[in-house]
Amino acid sequence: MPSDPCILAFDTSAAHCAAALLSGGQILAHMHEDMAKGQAERLIPLLNEVLHSAGMQWRDLDAVAVGVGPGNFTGIRIGVSGARGLALGLGLPAIGVSIFEARAEGLPRPLYVVEDARRGDVYVQAFNDTDADPFLIQRADLSFTNGGAVVGTLAAEVALGSDLSAQEPCFPLAEAIARVAARKFGTPQPRPAPLYIRASDAAPSSDLPLTILP
């Protein structure tokens, strides 16, 4: 099993389609396209372009990696489904990486990743000695008991008036996903699954179920 695997990583958890190819610890190709919709149609062609730009083919890969959220519900499902399908078709492992792990990649601890969850809420995960699970909280209720740094879409805003310093991510999102996945490679990993912290807005239908007549 290669110590420096060749990993194709991608993310569609927000209004973008992004991918990066990591091999030998180096990023060979990286693409990021902003798009509000159309990720399902664009993903595989984009991955082909990333591979071809690096002179690589699907058979050269050791694993695929995908961002599992949190983020847009539909976008996350597109990415996770794509990763599972590619893994099955290519006979490769698929590795899921959260946005929190990707944002924190390469930064010193203690570190807090804070992402905008809209509606006045934020997603937060602390990276320190214990790495607590991520959670959802009202932005107005957000507070920190220890110093350190904060990274994420709200880093500058959250750091104001606190003892925290705002940090920029070390790597673009798809590249960070690839680097996190490279560390996980070779260890038992669950199949990628969407990381949903907030419950879906979609409610079950209130209509009565259909009756099958004899």
Protein backbone atom coordinates (compact mmCIF):
# COMPACT_ATOMS: atom_id res chain seq x y z
CA MET A 1 0.00 0.00 0.00
CA PRO A 2 1.59 3.31 -1.07
CA SER A 3 2.73 5.61 1.73
CA ASP A 4 1.99 8.67 -0.43
CA PRO A 5 -1.27 7.72 -2.13
CA CYS A 6 -2.72 9.28 -5.24
CA ILE A 7 -6.05 10.78 -4.17
CA LEU A 8 -8.68 12.60 -6.20
CA ALA A 9 -10.66 14.85 -3.85
CA PHE A 10 -13.73 16.93 -4.58
CA ASP A 11 -16.45 18.99 -2.92
CA THR A 12 -19.92 20.17 -3.93
CA SER A 13 -21.22 21.10 -0.47
CA ALA A 14 -21.77 24.77 -1.37
CA ALA A 15 -22.25 26.89 -4.50
CA HIS A 16 -19.20 25.45 -6.21
CA CYS A 17 -17.68 22.39 -7.79
CA ALA A 18 -14.07 21.91 -6.70
CA ALA A 19 -11.51 19.15 -7.14
CA ALA A 20 -7.83 18.51 -6.47
CA LEU A 21 -5.41 15.69 -7.28
CA LEU A 22 -2.80 14.82 -4.64
CA SER A 23 0.08 12.44 -5.33
CA GLY A 24 3.36 12.00 -3.51
CA GLY A 25 2.33 14.69 -1.07
CA GLN A 26 2.05 17.26 -3.87
CA ILE A 27 -0.99 18.82 -5.52
CA LEU A 28 -0.75 18.02 -9.22
CA ALA A 29 -3.94 19.78 -10.30
CA HIS A 30 -6.68 21.88 -8.76
CA MET A 31 -9.91 23.35 -10.16
CA HIS A 32 -12.65 25.39 -8.54
CA GLU A 33 -15.77 26.63 -10.32
CA ASP A 34 -18.43 28.75 -8.64
CA MET A 35 -21.95 27.63 -9.52
CA ALA A 36 -25.32 27.93 -7.83
CA LYS A 37 -26.60 24.78 -9.54
CA GLY A 38 -25.49 22.15 -12.02
CA GLN A 39 -22.92 20.38 -9.84
CA ALA A 40 -24.41 16.96 -10.64
CA GLU A 41 -23.83 17.47 -14.36
CA ARG A 42 -20.45 19.16 -13.97
CA LEU A 43 -18.76 16.92 -11.38
CA ILE A 44 -17.53 13.98 -13.48
CA PRO A 45 -16.38 16.13 -16.43
CA LEU A 46 -14.50 18.34 -13.97
CA LEU A 47 -12.81 15.33 -12.39
CA ASN A 48 -11.79 14.10 -15.85
CA GLU A 49 -10.28 17.51 -16.58
CA VAL A 50 -8.32 17.47 -13.33
CA LEU A 51 -6.91 14.03 -14.08
CA HIS A 52 -6.04 14.85 -17.68
CA SER A 53 -4.38 18.15 -16.74
CA ALA A 54 -2.00 16.17 -14.52
CA GLY A 55 -1.40 13.46 -17.13
CA MET A 56 -3.14 10.89 -14.93
CA GLN A 57 -5.92 8.38 -15.51
CA TRP A 58 -8.56 6.83 -13.28
CA ARG A 59 -6.50 3.65 -12.94
CA ASP A 60 -3.67 5.66 -11.33
CA LEU A 61 -5.78 6.53 -8.29
CA ASP A 62 -5.46 4.89 -4.88
CA ALA A 63 -8.57 6.54 -3.38
CA VAL A 64 -11.21 9.19 -3.84
CA ALA A 65 -12.12 11.71 -1.16
CA VAL A 66 -15.16 13.91 -0.74
CA GLY A 67 -16.34 16.78 1.42
CA VAL A 68 -19.29 15.55 3.49
CA GLY A 69 -20.47 18.90 4.82
CA PRO A 70 -22.08 20.57 6.55
CA GLY A 71 -23.46 22.68 3.75
CA ASN A 72 -26.12 22.56 1.09
CA PHE A 73 -28.24 19.42 1.49
CA THR A 74 -28.49 18.69 -2.23
CA GLY A 75 -24.85 19.54 -2.88
CA ILE A 76 -23.62 17.22 -0.16
CA ARG A 77 -25.71 14.36 -1.55
CA ILE A 78 -24.28 14.94 -5.04
CA GLY A 79 -20.71 14.72 -3.76
CA VAL A 80 -21.24 11.74 -1.47
CA SER A 81 -23.17 9.80 -4.12
CA GLY A 82 -20.45 10.55 -6.66
CA ALA A 83 -17.72 9.34 -4.30
CA ARG A 84 -19.56 6.14 -3.48
CA GLY A 85 -20.26 5.42 -7.13
CA LEU A 86 -16.67 6.03 -8.18
CA ALA A 87 -15.35 3.89 -5.33
CA LEU A 88 -17.63 1.03 -6.32
CA GLY A 89 -16.85 1.28 -10.02
CA LEU A 90 -13.08 1.67 -9.59
CA GLY A 91 -12.68 -0.71 -6.66
CA LEU A 92 -11.11 2.03 -4.53
CA PRO A 93 -11.70 3.28 -0.99
CA ALA A 94 -13.77 6.44 -0.62
CA ILE A 95 -12.85 8.74 2.27
CA GLY A 96 -15.18 11.34 3.74
CA VAL A 97 -13.77 14.60 5.13
CA SER A 98 -15.79 17.23 6.96
CA ILE A 99 -15.50 20.92 6.16
CA PHE A 100 -14.27 21.41 9.74
CA GLU A 101 -11.36 19.00 9.21
CA ALA A 102 -10.51 20.68 5.91
CA ARG A 103 -10.54 24.21 7.33
CA ALA A 104 -8.35 23.14 10.26
CA GLU A 105 -5.80 21.31 8.12
CA GLY A 106 -2.27 22.58 8.70
CA LEU A 107 -3.17 25.08 11.44
CA PRO A 108 -1.91 24.96 15.05
CA ARG A 109 -4.19 24.05 17.95
CA PRO A 110 -6.22 25.14 19.86
CA LEU A 111 -8.38 26.08 16.92
CA TYR A 112 -12.09 26.74 16.38
CA VAL A 113 -13.74 26.31 13.01
CA VAL A 114 -16.83 28.51 12.66
CA GLU A 115 -19.03 28.25 9.58
CA ASP A 116 -22.10 30.28 8.71
CA ALA A 117 -25.25 28.16 9.08
CA ARG A 118 -27.60 31.05 8.15
CA ARG A 119 -30.72 32.14 10.05
CA GLY A 120 -28.48 33.61 12.74
CA ASP A 121 -26.86 30.23 13.46
CA VAL A 122 -23.28 29.01 13.18
CA TYR A 123 -21.66 25.60 12.99
CA VAL A 124 -18.71 25.21 15.37
CA GLN A 125 -16.09 22.56 16.02
CA ALA A 126 -13.21 22.90 18.47
CA PHE A 127 -9.87 21.30 17.63
CA ASN A 128 -7.72 20.85 20.71
CA ASP A 129 -6.67 17.91 22.90
CA THR A 130 -10.11 16.30 22.74
CA ASP A 131 -11.60 17.49 19.38
CA ALA A 132 -15.24 17.74 20.47
CA ASP A 133 -18.05 17.00 18.02
CA PRO A 134 -19.37 19.88 15.88
CA PHE A 135 -22.56 21.60 16.96
CA LEU A 136 -25.08 24.25 15.90
CA ILE A 137 -25.57 27.39 17.99
CA GLN A 138 -27.07 30.85 17.69
CA ARG A 139 -24.41 33.33 16.64
CA ALA A 140 -25.47 35.65 19.49
CA ASP A 141 -24.77 32.87 22.01
CA LEU A 142 -21.32 32.01 20.68
CA SER A 143 -18.52 32.36 23.24
CA PHE A 144 -15.12 30.81 23.88
CA THR A 145 -13.55 29.91 27.20
CA ASN A 146 -10.00 29.44 25.93
CA GLY A 147 -7.74 31.45 23.68
CA GLY A 148 -6.48 30.30 20.34
CA ALA A 149 -7.41 30.94 16.75
CA VAL A 150 -10.60 30.77 14.72
CA VAL A 151 -10.91 29.86 11.05
CA GLY A 152 -13.88 29.62 8.71
CA THR A 153 -16.36 31.81 6.89
CA LEU A 154 -16.97 33.94 10.00
CA ALA A 155 -13.43 33.98 11.40
CA ALA A 156 -12.83 37.74 11.23
CA GLU A 157 -16.24 38.58 12.66
CA VAL A 158 -16.03 36.07 15.52
CA ALA A 159 -12.51 37.10 16.50
CA LEU A 160 -13.49 40.75 17.02
CA GLY A 161 -13.71 41.65 20.68
CA SER A 162 -12.37 38.27 21.84
CA ASP A 163 -9.01 36.82 22.76
CA LEU A 164 -9.00 34.79 19.55
CA SER A 165 -7.01 35.52 16.41
CA ALA A 166 -8.55 35.09 12.96
CA GLN A 167 -6.77 32.67 10.64
CA GLU A 168 -7.02 31.96 6.94
CA PRO A 169 -7.19 28.29 5.88
CA CYS A 170 -3.81 26.93 4.81
CA PHE A 171 -5.20 25.31 1.68
CA PRO A 172 -8.07 25.64 -0.79
CA LEU A 173 -10.97 23.42 0.22
CA ALA A 174 -10.51 20.55 -2.25
CA GLU A 175 -6.75 20.47 -1.62
CA ALA A 176 -7.33 20.36 2.15
CA ILE A 177 -9.79 17.48 1.72
CA ALA A 178 -7.15 15.57 -0.24
CA ARG A 179 -4.50 16.15 2.44
CA VAL A 180 -6.77 15.06 5.28
CA ALA A 181 -7.77 11.97 3.29
CA ALA A 182 -4.12 11.09 2.69
CA ARG A 183 -3.59 10.85 6.44
CA LYS A 184 -6.67 8.67 6.81
CA PHE A 185 -5.70 6.43 3.90
CA GLY A 186 -4.83 2.89 4.91
CA THR A 187 -6.93 2.95 8.08
CA PRO A 188 -10.49 1.57 8.36
CA GLN A 189 -12.93 4.25 7.23
CA PRO A 190 -16.73 4.23 7.10
CA ARG A 191 -18.39 4.90 3.77
CA PRO A 192 -18.74 8.65 3.21
CA ALA A 193 -22.05 9.90 4.59
CA PRO A 194 -23.54 13.41 4.66
CA LEU A 195 -22.75 15.39 7.81
CA TYR A 196 -26.09 16.97 8.62
CA ILE A 197 -26.01 18.98 11.84
CA ARG A 198 -29.25 20.85 11.24
CA ALA A 199 -32.39 18.84 10.51
CA SER A 200 -33.81 19.06 7.01
CA ASP A 201 -36.50 21.67 6.32
CA ALA A 202 -38.41 19.10 4.28
CA ALA A 203 -41.37 17.76 6.25
CA PRO A 204 -43.11 14.44 5.63
CA SER A 205 -46.25 14.67 3.56
CA SER A 206 -49.45 15.11 5.54
CA ASP A 207 -51.46 13.34 2.84
CA LEU A 208 -53.00 10.01 3.74
CA PRO A 209 -51.22 7.01 2.21
CA LEU A 210 -52.73 5.45 -0.88
CA THR A 211 -55.04 2.50 -0.36
CA ILE A 212 -54.52 -0.53 -2.55
CA LEU A 213 -57.90 -1.93 -3.52
CA PRO A 214 -58.37 -5.70 -3.59
